[in-house]
N, C-alpha and C. Protein backbone atom coordinates (compact mmCIF):
# COMPACT_ATOMS: atom_id res chain seq x y z
N MET A 1 7.50 -12.12 -10.33
CA MET A 1 6.22 -11.35 -10.00
C MET A 1 6.35 -11.60 -8.25
N ILE A 2 6.25 -10.36 -7.75
CA ILE A 2 6.13 -10.29 -6.16
C ILE A 2 4.65 -10.05 -6.06
N LYS A 3 4.11 -11.23 -5.51
CA LYS A 3 2.71 -11.07 -5.04
C LYS A 3 2.43 -10.79 -3.60
N GLU A 4 1.95 -9.62 -3.53
CA GLU A 4 1.70 -8.98 -2.12
C GLU A 4 0.20 -9.40 -1.87
N VAL A 5 0.07 -10.04 -0.69
CA VAL A 5 -1.10 -10.41 -0.21
C VAL A 5 -1.76 -9.50 0.82
N CYS A 6 -2.89 -9.02 0.74
CA CYS A 6 -3.58 -8.05 1.69
C CYS A 6 -4.22 -9.03 2.56
N VAL A 7 -3.82 -9.05 3.84
CA VAL A 7 -4.17 -10.11 4.88
C VAL A 7 -4.88 -9.30 6.13
N GLU A 8 -6.00 -9.68 6.61
CA GLU A 8 -6.59 -9.12 7.79
C GLU A 8 -6.19 -9.75 9.01
N ASN A 9 -5.45 -9.06 9.91
CA ASN A 9 -5.01 -9.82 11.24
C ASN A 9 -4.08 -10.69 11.00
N PHE A 10 -3.91 -11.81 11.82
CA PHE A 10 -2.87 -12.59 11.68
C PHE A 10 -3.54 -14.07 11.11
N THR A 11 -4.64 -14.31 11.16
CA THR A 11 -5.49 -15.49 11.00
C THR A 11 -5.07 -16.16 9.87
N HIS A 12 -4.83 -15.52 8.59
CA HIS A 12 -4.60 -16.30 7.35
C HIS A 12 -3.24 -16.11 6.76
N VAL A 13 -2.47 -15.38 7.64
CA VAL A 13 -1.07 -15.31 7.26
C VAL A 13 -0.42 -16.67 7.01
N PRO A 14 -0.29 -17.64 7.72
CA PRO A 14 0.33 -18.82 7.33
C PRO A 14 -0.17 -19.52 6.21
N LYS A 15 -1.61 -19.51 5.87
CA LYS A 15 -2.21 -20.08 4.76
C LYS A 15 -1.85 -19.38 3.58
N VAL A 16 -1.75 -18.03 3.46
CA VAL A 16 -1.32 -17.35 2.23
C VAL A 16 0.24 -17.51 1.90
N ILE A 17 0.98 -17.74 2.90
CA ILE A 17 2.39 -18.00 2.77
C ILE A 17 2.67 -19.37 2.09
N ARG A 18 1.78 -20.30 2.61
CA ARG A 18 1.97 -21.62 1.95
C ARG A 18 1.44 -21.60 0.40
N ARG A 19 0.46 -20.74 0.24
CA ARG A 19 0.21 -20.54 -1.27
C ARG A 19 0.91 -19.82 -2.06
N GLY A 20 1.85 -19.11 -1.44
CA GLY A 20 2.99 -18.47 -2.42
C GLY A 20 3.13 -16.96 -2.34
N ALA A 21 2.71 -16.50 -1.14
CA ALA A 21 2.51 -14.90 -0.83
C ALA A 21 4.21 -14.43 -0.85
N ASP A 22 4.60 -13.61 -1.47
CA ASP A 22 6.00 -13.08 -1.46
C ASP A 22 5.98 -11.99 -0.25
N ARG A 23 4.90 -11.27 -0.10
CA ARG A 23 4.90 -10.03 0.73
C ARG A 23 3.65 -10.08 1.43
N ILE A 24 3.54 -9.62 2.69
CA ILE A 24 2.24 -9.37 3.32
C ILE A 24 2.01 -7.82 3.60
N GLU A 25 0.80 -7.63 3.11
CA GLU A 25 0.03 -6.19 3.57
C GLU A 25 -0.73 -6.59 4.85
N LEU A 26 -0.41 -6.08 5.86
CA LEU A 26 -1.07 -6.46 7.25
C LEU A 26 -1.94 -5.23 7.44
N CYS A 27 -3.23 -5.73 7.76
CA CYS A 27 -4.07 -4.68 8.15
C CYS A 27 -5.33 -5.24 8.99
N ASP A 28 -6.20 -4.40 9.48
CA ASP A 28 -7.45 -4.91 10.16
C ASP A 28 -8.51 -4.25 9.33
N ASN A 29 -9.81 -4.79 9.71
CA ASN A 29 -11.15 -4.14 9.25
C ASN A 29 -10.91 -4.07 7.82
N LEU A 30 -10.87 -5.07 7.04
CA LEU A 30 -10.76 -5.16 5.46
C LEU A 30 -12.16 -4.49 4.90
N ALA A 31 -13.15 -4.59 5.85
CA ALA A 31 -14.67 -4.11 5.36
C ALA A 31 -14.48 -2.74 4.98
N VAL A 32 -13.69 -2.08 5.80
CA VAL A 32 -13.62 -0.54 5.47
C VAL A 32 -12.33 -0.06 4.66
N GLY A 33 -11.68 -1.21 4.11
CA GLY A 33 -10.57 -0.97 3.37
C GLY A 33 -9.38 -1.03 4.10
N GLY A 34 -9.33 -1.47 5.22
CA GLY A 34 -8.07 -1.79 6.11
C GLY A 34 -7.74 -0.58 6.95
N THR A 35 -7.38 -0.95 8.30
CA THR A 35 -6.91 -0.06 9.33
C THR A 35 -5.68 -0.71 10.04
N THR A 36 -5.18 0.04 10.89
CA THR A 36 -3.99 -0.33 11.44
C THR A 36 -4.20 -1.60 12.56
N VAL A 37 -3.33 -2.54 12.67
CA VAL A 37 -3.47 -3.69 13.55
C VAL A 37 -2.88 -3.27 14.82
N SER A 38 -3.17 -4.07 15.79
CA SER A 38 -2.71 -3.84 17.16
C SER A 38 -1.19 -4.31 17.17
N LYS A 39 -0.45 -3.58 18.19
CA LYS A 39 1.02 -3.99 18.23
C LYS A 39 1.24 -5.45 18.23
N GLY A 40 0.30 -6.22 19.17
CA GLY A 40 0.48 -7.58 19.44
C GLY A 40 0.45 -8.16 18.07
N VAL A 41 -0.68 -7.99 17.30
CA VAL A 41 -0.68 -8.61 15.86
C VAL A 41 0.33 -8.33 15.02
N LEU A 42 0.95 -7.29 15.06
CA LEU A 42 2.19 -6.76 14.31
C LEU A 42 3.36 -7.73 14.78
N GLU A 43 3.74 -7.57 16.06
CA GLU A 43 4.85 -8.34 16.40
C GLU A 43 4.85 -9.75 16.25
N LYS A 44 3.60 -10.65 16.28
CA LYS A 44 3.62 -11.89 16.16
C LYS A 44 3.49 -12.15 14.53
N THR A 45 3.12 -11.42 13.80
CA THR A 45 3.04 -11.50 12.31
C THR A 45 4.45 -11.46 11.88
N ILE A 46 5.26 -10.44 12.31
CA ILE A 46 6.42 -10.28 11.76
C ILE A 46 7.33 -11.51 12.35
N GLU A 47 7.18 -11.80 13.71
CA GLU A 47 7.92 -12.98 14.01
C GLU A 47 7.78 -14.15 13.15
N PHE A 48 6.40 -14.41 12.83
CA PHE A 48 6.28 -15.63 12.15
C PHE A 48 6.78 -15.58 10.63
N CYS A 49 6.69 -14.22 10.05
CA CYS A 49 7.02 -14.18 8.59
C CYS A 49 8.40 -14.08 8.45
N ARG A 50 9.20 -13.48 9.61
CA ARG A 50 10.66 -13.66 9.46
C ARG A 50 11.11 -15.05 9.32
N GLN A 51 10.53 -16.08 10.06
CA GLN A 51 11.06 -17.32 9.90
C GLN A 51 10.56 -17.82 8.44
N GLU A 52 9.67 -17.42 7.85
CA GLU A 52 9.21 -17.85 6.43
C GLU A 52 10.18 -17.08 5.43
N ASP A 53 10.84 -16.02 5.72
CA ASP A 53 11.61 -15.13 4.81
C ASP A 53 10.43 -14.42 3.98
N VAL A 54 9.56 -13.80 4.51
CA VAL A 54 8.38 -13.00 4.01
C VAL A 54 8.34 -11.70 4.49
N SER A 55 8.38 -10.60 3.70
CA SER A 55 8.39 -9.38 4.32
C SER A 55 7.04 -8.74 4.72
N VAL A 56 6.95 -7.93 5.69
CA VAL A 56 5.60 -7.43 6.10
C VAL A 56 5.55 -5.89 5.94
N MET A 57 4.39 -5.38 5.30
CA MET A 57 4.03 -4.05 5.22
C MET A 57 2.95 -3.76 5.93
N ALA A 58 2.97 -2.80 6.95
CA ALA A 58 2.10 -2.52 7.88
C ALA A 58 1.13 -1.19 7.42
N ILE A 59 -0.17 -1.37 7.27
CA ILE A 59 -0.88 -0.23 6.82
C ILE A 59 -1.02 0.74 8.00
N ILE A 60 -0.88 1.81 7.73
CA ILE A 60 -0.96 2.81 8.88
C ILE A 60 -2.19 4.03 8.52
N ARG A 61 -3.41 3.61 9.08
CA ARG A 61 -4.56 4.25 8.71
C ARG A 61 -5.54 4.09 10.06
N PRO A 62 -5.89 5.15 10.78
CA PRO A 62 -6.66 5.18 11.75
C PRO A 62 -8.12 4.70 11.93
N ARG A 63 -8.75 4.88 10.68
CA ARG A 63 -9.99 4.58 10.34
C ARG A 63 -10.59 4.37 9.00
N GLY A 64 -11.73 3.92 8.81
CA GLY A 64 -12.07 3.92 7.56
C GLY A 64 -12.54 5.38 6.86
N GLY A 65 -13.15 5.31 5.76
CA GLY A 65 -13.56 6.61 5.34
C GLY A 65 -12.56 7.21 4.34
N ASP A 66 -12.71 8.57 4.32
CA ASP A 66 -11.66 9.41 3.49
C ASP A 66 -10.38 9.47 4.09
N PHE A 67 -9.40 10.04 3.23
CA PHE A 67 -7.97 10.02 3.53
C PHE A 67 -7.51 11.49 3.91
N VAL A 68 -8.49 12.21 4.35
CA VAL A 68 -8.20 13.67 5.00
C VAL A 68 -8.46 13.59 6.47
N TYR A 69 -7.17 13.86 7.03
CA TYR A 69 -7.06 13.32 8.41
C TYR A 69 -6.91 14.71 9.34
N THR A 70 -7.38 14.64 10.65
CA THR A 70 -7.35 15.71 11.63
C THR A 70 -5.88 15.74 12.32
N ALA A 71 -5.61 16.68 12.89
CA ALA A 71 -4.33 16.85 13.45
C ALA A 71 -4.07 15.64 14.48
N ILE A 72 -5.23 15.56 15.22
CA ILE A 72 -5.14 14.26 16.24
C ILE A 72 -4.93 12.91 15.42
N GLU A 73 -5.70 12.70 14.48
CA GLU A 73 -5.48 11.54 13.64
C GLU A 73 -3.94 11.31 13.15
N LYS A 74 -3.52 12.57 12.77
CA LYS A 74 -2.20 12.37 12.24
C LYS A 74 -1.12 12.08 13.38
N GLU A 75 -1.25 12.64 14.64
CA GLU A 75 -0.74 12.11 15.71
C GLU A 75 -0.56 10.77 16.10
N ILE A 76 -1.89 10.19 15.84
CA ILE A 76 -2.07 8.71 15.99
C ILE A 76 -1.29 8.00 15.05
N MET A 77 -1.35 8.32 13.84
CA MET A 77 -0.71 7.77 12.72
C MET A 77 0.83 7.76 12.96
N LEU A 78 1.45 8.93 13.32
CA LEU A 78 3.02 8.96 13.55
C LEU A 78 3.18 7.99 14.85
N ALA A 79 2.45 8.08 15.93
CA ALA A 79 2.67 7.02 16.86
C ALA A 79 2.57 5.52 16.39
N ASP A 80 1.65 5.27 15.60
CA ASP A 80 1.69 3.97 15.00
C ASP A 80 2.92 3.57 14.12
N ILE A 81 3.16 4.62 13.34
CA ILE A 81 4.55 4.36 12.51
C ILE A 81 5.65 4.05 13.61
N GLN A 82 5.79 4.68 14.59
CA GLN A 82 6.95 4.43 15.59
C GLN A 82 6.88 3.12 15.97
N THR A 83 5.45 2.48 16.43
CA THR A 83 5.34 1.17 16.81
C THR A 83 5.78 0.35 15.71
N ALA A 84 5.59 0.46 14.49
CA ALA A 84 5.90 -0.40 13.50
C ALA A 84 7.47 -0.32 13.39
N ILE A 85 7.90 0.68 13.55
CA ILE A 85 9.47 0.74 13.46
C ILE A 85 10.01 -0.12 14.68
N ASP A 86 9.45 0.12 15.98
CA ASP A 86 10.12 -0.79 16.91
C ASP A 86 9.84 -2.24 16.82
N THR A 87 8.87 -2.65 15.85
CA THR A 87 8.56 -4.01 15.72
C THR A 87 9.57 -4.47 14.55
N ASP A 88 10.28 -3.73 14.04
CA ASP A 88 11.19 -3.98 12.94
C ASP A 88 10.32 -4.49 11.55
N VAL A 89 9.30 -3.88 11.14
CA VAL A 89 8.56 -4.04 10.04
C VAL A 89 9.31 -3.65 8.89
N SER A 90 8.98 -4.29 7.76
CA SER A 90 9.92 -4.08 6.38
C SER A 90 9.47 -2.73 5.95
N GLY A 91 8.35 -2.34 6.03
CA GLY A 91 7.78 -1.09 5.50
C GLY A 91 6.23 -0.55 6.01
N ILE A 92 5.92 0.54 5.58
CA ILE A 92 4.48 0.80 5.79
C ILE A 92 3.97 1.24 4.64
N VAL A 93 2.45 1.25 4.69
CA VAL A 93 1.62 1.59 3.58
C VAL A 93 0.77 2.87 4.34
N ILE A 94 0.78 3.83 3.53
CA ILE A 94 0.06 5.08 4.07
C ILE A 94 -0.63 5.96 3.11
N GLY A 95 -1.28 6.74 3.31
CA GLY A 95 -1.80 7.82 2.40
C GLY A 95 -2.50 8.98 3.06
N ALA A 96 -2.48 10.21 2.48
CA ALA A 96 -3.10 11.24 3.21
C ALA A 96 -3.21 12.38 2.14
N LEU A 97 -4.38 12.87 2.40
CA LEU A 97 -4.77 13.90 1.23
C LEU A 97 -5.37 15.14 1.88
N THR A 98 -5.28 16.33 1.14
CA THR A 98 -5.95 17.60 1.76
C THR A 98 -7.43 17.49 1.34
N ASN A 99 -8.19 18.54 1.81
CA ASN A 99 -9.39 18.75 1.28
C ASN A 99 -9.69 18.88 -0.12
N GLU A 100 -8.59 19.40 -0.83
CA GLU A 100 -8.80 19.49 -2.31
C GLU A 100 -8.30 18.32 -2.96
N ARG A 101 -8.33 17.13 -2.08
CA ARG A 101 -7.91 15.75 -2.98
C ARG A 101 -6.51 15.78 -3.40
N GLU A 102 -5.64 16.61 -2.95
CA GLU A 102 -4.25 16.63 -3.43
C GLU A 102 -3.39 15.89 -2.35
N LEU A 103 -2.32 15.53 -2.49
CA LEU A 103 -1.21 14.97 -1.59
C LEU A 103 -1.14 15.88 -0.32
N ASP A 104 -1.22 15.35 0.82
CA ASP A 104 -0.80 16.12 2.17
C ASP A 104 0.66 16.09 2.28
N THR A 105 1.25 17.11 1.42
CA THR A 105 2.78 16.86 1.27
C THR A 105 3.27 17.22 2.67
N ALA A 106 2.72 18.24 3.40
CA ALA A 106 3.21 18.58 4.79
C ALA A 106 3.43 17.40 5.59
N PHE A 107 2.37 16.41 5.91
CA PHE A 107 2.17 15.48 6.61
C PHE A 107 3.01 14.28 6.18
N LEU A 108 3.02 14.02 4.76
CA LEU A 108 3.86 13.09 4.11
C LEU A 108 5.41 13.38 4.20
N SER A 109 5.77 14.62 4.20
CA SER A 109 7.07 15.02 4.43
C SER A 109 7.60 14.57 5.85
N VAL A 110 6.83 14.56 6.98
CA VAL A 110 7.07 14.21 8.25
C VAL A 110 7.21 12.59 8.24
N VAL A 111 6.30 11.92 7.47
CA VAL A 111 6.39 10.54 7.58
C VAL A 111 7.68 10.11 6.72
N LYS A 112 8.29 10.75 5.89
CA LYS A 112 9.39 10.43 5.00
C LYS A 112 10.48 10.61 6.04
N SER A 113 10.68 11.88 6.57
CA SER A 113 11.72 12.05 7.64
C SER A 113 11.92 11.02 8.63
N ILE A 114 10.87 10.46 9.22
CA ILE A 114 10.87 9.47 10.24
C ILE A 114 11.22 8.23 9.73
N THR A 115 10.69 7.81 8.61
CA THR A 115 11.04 6.38 8.00
C THR A 115 12.68 6.35 7.38
N ALA A 116 12.86 7.39 6.75
CA ALA A 116 14.11 7.45 6.21
C ALA A 116 15.34 7.03 6.99
N GLU A 117 15.21 7.54 8.20
CA GLU A 117 16.17 7.48 9.30
C GLU A 117 16.35 5.79 9.67
N VAL A 118 15.43 5.17 9.34
CA VAL A 118 15.50 3.76 9.68
C VAL A 118 15.44 2.82 8.30
N GLY A 119 15.25 3.44 7.01
CA GLY A 119 15.40 2.60 5.85
C GLY A 119 13.94 1.85 5.62
N LEU A 120 12.71 2.23 6.15
CA LEU A 120 11.56 1.58 5.85
C LEU A 120 11.08 1.87 4.55
N SER A 121 10.60 0.75 4.00
CA SER A 121 9.95 0.91 2.57
C SER A 121 8.69 1.53 2.74
N LEU A 122 8.25 2.59 1.73
CA LEU A 122 7.13 3.27 1.77
C LEU A 122 6.20 2.99 0.59
N THR A 123 4.75 2.69 0.80
CA THR A 123 3.90 2.42 -0.31
C THR A 123 2.73 3.46 -0.05
N PHE A 124 2.48 4.21 -1.02
CA PHE A 124 1.37 5.13 -0.98
C PHE A 124 0.05 4.22 -1.53
N HIS A 125 -0.96 4.19 -0.51
CA HIS A 125 -1.96 3.17 -0.93
C HIS A 125 -3.21 3.82 -1.71
N MET A 126 -4.26 3.20 -1.86
CA MET A 126 -5.32 3.53 -2.89
C MET A 126 -5.89 4.94 -2.68
N ALA A 127 -5.39 5.78 -1.68
CA ALA A 127 -5.88 7.15 -1.68
C ALA A 127 -5.42 7.82 -2.79
N PHE A 128 -4.41 7.15 -3.68
CA PHE A 128 -4.05 7.80 -4.89
C PHE A 128 -5.33 7.78 -5.91
N ASP A 129 -6.03 6.84 -5.71
CA ASP A 129 -7.20 6.83 -6.76
C ASP A 129 -8.16 7.92 -6.53
N ASP A 130 -8.20 8.52 -5.35
CA ASP A 130 -9.03 9.69 -5.09
C ASP A 130 -8.38 11.03 -5.67
N ILE A 131 -7.23 11.12 -5.99
CA ILE A 131 -6.59 12.35 -6.59
C ILE A 131 -7.07 12.56 -8.00
N PRO A 132 -7.63 13.77 -8.39
CA PRO A 132 -8.00 13.92 -9.59
C PRO A 132 -7.03 13.51 -10.65
N LYS A 133 -7.52 13.24 -11.98
CA LYS A 133 -6.53 12.62 -12.95
C LYS A 133 -5.49 13.65 -13.36
N GLU A 134 -5.93 14.90 -13.47
CA GLU A 134 -5.20 16.02 -13.76
C GLU A 134 -3.94 16.36 -12.97
N LYS A 135 -4.08 15.79 -11.60
CA LYS A 135 -3.10 16.01 -10.48
C LYS A 135 -2.22 14.75 -10.31
N GLN A 136 -2.76 13.69 -10.98
CA GLN A 136 -1.86 12.45 -10.72
C GLN A 136 -0.39 12.37 -11.14
N LYS A 137 -0.08 12.76 -12.27
CA LYS A 137 1.25 13.00 -12.77
C LYS A 137 2.22 13.80 -11.57
N GLU A 138 1.93 14.80 -11.29
CA GLU A 138 2.73 15.61 -10.29
C GLU A 138 2.68 14.92 -8.96
N SER A 139 1.76 14.18 -8.59
CA SER A 139 1.67 13.56 -7.26
C SER A 139 2.59 12.34 -7.46
N ILE A 140 2.69 11.55 -8.63
CA ILE A 140 3.61 10.53 -8.89
C ILE A 140 5.04 11.03 -8.72
N GLU A 141 5.33 12.15 -9.40
CA GLU A 141 6.66 12.78 -9.37
C GLU A 141 6.96 13.22 -7.89
N TRP A 142 5.94 13.89 -7.14
CA TRP A 142 6.40 14.15 -5.70
C TRP A 142 6.72 12.96 -4.78
N LEU A 143 5.88 12.03 -4.99
CA LEU A 143 6.01 10.64 -4.19
C LEU A 143 7.47 10.05 -4.56
N SER A 144 7.89 10.02 -5.73
CA SER A 144 9.09 9.46 -6.30
C SER A 144 10.22 10.26 -5.77
N ALA A 145 10.21 11.62 -5.69
CA ALA A 145 11.21 12.21 -5.15
C ALA A 145 11.21 12.38 -3.73
N ASN A 146 10.28 12.00 -2.99
CA ASN A 146 10.38 12.07 -1.59
C ASN A 146 10.16 10.58 -0.75
N GLY A 147 10.85 9.63 -1.37
CA GLY A 147 11.12 8.52 -0.76
C GLY A 147 10.45 7.52 -0.90
N PHE A 148 9.08 7.68 -1.45
CA PHE A 148 8.11 6.57 -1.64
C PHE A 148 8.61 5.49 -2.64
N ASP A 149 8.43 4.15 -2.43
CA ASP A 149 8.85 3.08 -3.42
C ASP A 149 7.97 2.67 -4.27
N ARG A 150 6.58 2.86 -3.91
CA ARG A 150 5.70 2.27 -4.77
C ARG A 150 4.29 2.97 -4.57
N ILE A 151 3.32 2.81 -5.33
CA ILE A 151 1.96 3.40 -5.26
C ILE A 151 1.02 2.30 -5.60
N LEU A 152 0.15 2.03 -4.92
CA LEU A 152 -0.95 1.01 -4.94
C LEU A 152 -2.20 1.69 -5.52
N THR A 153 -2.33 1.31 -6.56
CA THR A 153 -3.71 1.79 -7.39
C THR A 153 -4.48 0.85 -8.03
N HIS A 154 -5.67 1.26 -8.23
CA HIS A 154 -6.51 0.28 -9.01
C HIS A 154 -6.80 0.85 -10.28
N GLY A 155 -6.39 2.24 -10.36
CA GLY A 155 -6.40 2.94 -11.73
C GLY A 155 -7.73 3.53 -11.89
N GLY A 156 -8.66 3.54 -10.90
CA GLY A 156 -9.92 4.07 -10.99
C GLY A 156 -10.84 3.68 -9.97
N PRO A 157 -12.27 3.88 -10.02
CA PRO A 157 -13.26 3.34 -8.92
C PRO A 157 -13.04 1.93 -8.94
N LEU A 158 -13.24 1.51 -7.45
CA LEU A 158 -13.12 0.08 -7.13
C LEU A 158 -14.38 -0.63 -7.50
N THR A 159 -15.44 0.07 -7.95
CA THR A 159 -16.72 -0.51 -8.56
C THR A 159 -16.52 -1.06 -9.78
N GLN A 160 -15.59 -0.59 -10.57
CA GLN A 160 -15.25 -1.13 -11.75
C GLN A 160 -14.20 -2.08 -11.81
N PRO A 161 -14.24 -3.33 -12.62
CA PRO A 161 -13.22 -4.32 -12.59
C PRO A 161 -11.91 -3.88 -12.91
N ILE A 162 -10.82 -4.30 -12.42
CA ILE A 162 -9.49 -3.80 -12.85
C ILE A 162 -9.30 -4.13 -14.36
N GLU A 163 -9.85 -5.10 -14.99
CA GLU A 163 -9.66 -5.23 -16.53
C GLU A 163 -10.11 -4.11 -17.35
N GLN A 164 -11.00 -3.30 -16.65
CA GLN A 164 -11.47 -2.20 -17.30
C GLN A 164 -10.60 -0.85 -17.11
N GLN A 165 -9.56 -1.09 -16.13
CA GLN A 165 -8.64 0.08 -15.85
C GLN A 165 -7.20 -0.16 -16.36
N LEU A 166 -7.19 -1.05 -17.38
CA LEU A 166 -5.76 -1.48 -17.85
C LEU A 166 -5.04 -0.21 -18.54
N GLU A 167 -5.88 0.56 -19.30
CA GLU A 167 -5.30 1.59 -20.18
C GLU A 167 -4.91 2.60 -19.18
N THR A 168 -5.59 2.87 -18.26
CA THR A 168 -5.39 4.02 -17.16
C THR A 168 -4.21 3.61 -16.43
N LEU A 169 -4.05 2.26 -16.11
CA LEU A 169 -2.84 1.69 -15.48
C LEU A 169 -1.61 1.99 -16.31
N LYS A 170 -1.74 1.73 -17.64
CA LYS A 170 -0.65 1.83 -18.35
C LYS A 170 -0.24 3.22 -18.56
N GLU A 171 -1.09 4.10 -18.52
CA GLU A 171 -0.79 5.52 -18.42
C GLU A 171 0.01 6.00 -17.09
N LEU A 172 -0.42 5.36 -16.11
CA LEU A 172 0.23 5.62 -14.87
C LEU A 172 1.74 5.02 -14.73
N ILE A 173 1.81 3.79 -15.23
CA ILE A 173 3.21 3.24 -15.24
C ILE A 173 3.94 4.02 -16.20
N GLU A 174 3.51 4.45 -17.28
CA GLU A 174 4.47 5.36 -18.14
C GLU A 174 4.87 6.64 -17.65
N MET A 175 3.94 7.34 -16.90
CA MET A 175 4.26 8.44 -16.04
C MET A 175 5.43 8.25 -15.02
N ALA A 176 5.34 7.11 -14.35
CA ALA A 176 6.20 6.64 -13.36
C ALA A 176 7.52 6.33 -13.96
N GLY A 177 7.79 5.81 -14.91
CA GLY A 177 9.00 5.39 -15.43
C GLY A 177 9.58 4.36 -14.49
N GLU A 178 11.07 4.58 -14.43
CA GLU A 178 11.71 3.82 -13.62
C GLU A 178 11.84 4.40 -12.17
N ASN A 179 11.18 5.56 -11.92
CA ASN A 179 11.39 6.33 -10.74
C ASN A 179 10.81 5.73 -9.42
N ILE A 180 9.54 5.06 -9.78
CA ILE A 180 8.66 4.60 -8.73
C ILE A 180 7.75 3.50 -9.19
N THR A 181 7.49 2.39 -8.53
CA THR A 181 6.83 1.28 -8.81
C THR A 181 5.27 1.48 -8.90
N ILE A 182 4.56 1.32 -9.95
CA ILE A 182 3.05 1.33 -9.96
C ILE A 182 2.62 -0.01 -9.68
N MET A 183 2.09 -0.45 -8.52
CA MET A 183 1.46 -1.82 -8.19
C MET A 183 0.06 -1.79 -8.31
N PRO A 184 -0.44 -2.38 -9.24
CA PRO A 184 -1.96 -2.56 -9.53
C PRO A 184 -2.55 -3.55 -8.26
N GLY A 185 -3.72 -3.16 -8.00
CA GLY A 185 -4.50 -3.89 -6.97
C GLY A 185 -5.84 -3.73 -6.97
N GLY A 186 -6.67 -4.49 -6.28
CA GLY A 186 -8.13 -4.30 -6.36
C GLY A 186 -8.74 -5.13 -7.28
N GLY A 187 -9.10 -6.13 -6.87
CA GLY A 187 -9.77 -7.09 -7.72
C GLY A 187 -8.79 -8.00 -8.50
N ILE A 188 -7.70 -8.04 -8.14
CA ILE A 188 -6.55 -9.04 -8.77
C ILE A 188 -6.79 -10.43 -7.88
N THR A 189 -6.88 -11.54 -8.75
CA THR A 189 -7.01 -12.87 -8.20
C THR A 189 -5.88 -13.76 -8.88
N LYS A 190 -5.81 -14.94 -8.35
CA LYS A 190 -4.98 -15.81 -9.01
C LYS A 190 -5.30 -16.19 -10.46
N GLU A 191 -6.51 -15.92 -10.72
CA GLU A 191 -7.21 -16.39 -12.02
C GLU A 191 -6.77 -15.14 -13.02
N ASN A 192 -6.99 -14.02 -12.84
CA ASN A 192 -6.72 -12.89 -13.70
C ASN A 192 -5.40 -12.31 -13.66
N LEU A 193 -4.50 -12.78 -12.56
CA LEU A 193 -3.08 -12.29 -12.55
C LEU A 193 -2.24 -12.43 -13.73
N PRO A 194 -2.21 -13.44 -14.48
CA PRO A 194 -1.62 -13.54 -15.67
C PRO A 194 -2.00 -12.58 -16.56
N LEU A 195 -3.20 -12.12 -16.78
CA LEU A 195 -3.75 -11.13 -17.77
C LEU A 195 -3.11 -9.87 -17.44
N ILE A 196 -3.20 -9.56 -16.05
CA ILE A 196 -2.67 -8.29 -15.54
C ILE A 196 -1.14 -8.10 -15.78
N GLU A 197 -0.43 -9.28 -15.39
CA GLU A 197 0.96 -9.37 -15.68
C GLU A 197 1.40 -9.14 -17.05
N ARG A 198 0.63 -9.90 -17.86
CA ARG A 198 0.93 -9.80 -19.48
C ARG A 198 0.67 -8.41 -20.08
N GLU A 199 -0.43 -7.81 -19.66
CA GLU A 199 -1.01 -6.52 -20.33
C GLU A 199 -0.08 -5.30 -19.84
N LEU A 200 0.23 -5.41 -18.39
CA LEU A 200 0.94 -4.35 -17.71
C LEU A 200 2.29 -4.42 -17.59
N ASP A 201 2.90 -5.65 -17.92
CA ASP A 201 4.37 -5.99 -17.71
C ASP A 201 4.95 -5.41 -16.29
N VAL A 202 4.22 -5.63 -15.28
CA VAL A 202 4.63 -5.38 -13.86
C VAL A 202 5.26 -6.42 -13.23
N GLN A 203 5.91 -6.07 -12.45
CA GLN A 203 6.89 -7.07 -11.40
C GLN A 203 6.08 -7.24 -10.06
N GLU A 204 5.19 -6.41 -9.64
CA GLU A 204 4.53 -6.34 -8.38
C GLU A 204 3.00 -6.33 -8.62
N ALA A 205 2.28 -7.14 -8.03
CA ALA A 205 0.67 -6.94 -7.74
C ALA A 205 0.13 -7.36 -6.44
N HIS A 206 -1.17 -6.77 -6.23
CA HIS A 206 -1.48 -6.71 -4.74
C HIS A 206 -2.97 -7.18 -4.75
N GLY A 207 -3.34 -7.99 -3.71
CA GLY A 207 -4.77 -8.57 -3.79
C GLY A 207 -4.99 -9.50 -2.47
N THR A 208 -6.20 -9.53 -2.27
CA THR A 208 -6.71 -10.35 -1.37
C THR A 208 -6.65 -11.91 -1.45
N LYS A 209 -6.87 -12.00 -2.87
CA LYS A 209 -7.07 -13.40 -3.32
C LYS A 209 -6.13 -13.72 -4.56
N ILE A 210 -4.90 -13.18 -4.50
CA ILE A 210 -3.72 -13.20 -5.38
C ILE A 210 -3.11 -14.60 -5.46
N VAL A 211 -3.39 -15.48 -4.40
CA VAL A 211 -2.60 -16.58 -4.21
C VAL A 211 -3.69 -17.66 -3.82
């Protein structure tokens, strides 16, 4: 089981690694769901985690709120991706949708082309849960065909406990097959992780309190 811990800034990174974190999702402003950290935070976190043999995934998100971004916001995100590349990050976590709540494939294709050149791991974050259910299968297929390694999903609204989303998560895992990893997250703790692992038979899970 790869335990990916979502960590705000650098402050808690050493502590969660001591507790058994296998991978770090580095972000700022968890109160709004996470935004991109500064270059300094990213550099120092990667420097520390490299010594601990722990990989770092950097979230690329310019603000809280929805996942429909303006042209300028997309330029900001692409600049932040280049910063992440320059710091030798393991991968990035990103999501972008259209006004119709479908994948912003035009923008995500640009992201793919930039990151593929340097071999960055790509995670599509919980923007996936804003996609209408009837569009999720084709979204999974597009992401798997276009360089994304995993999808972070709660399986439904974050207002509902993840234990209530297990059937939906099983459906998503079945849709994904072996083409892309479905990584459950949102409300997973060290207490309920054994249940999630047993019920979903997953090899990766994500949370702020997972260790």
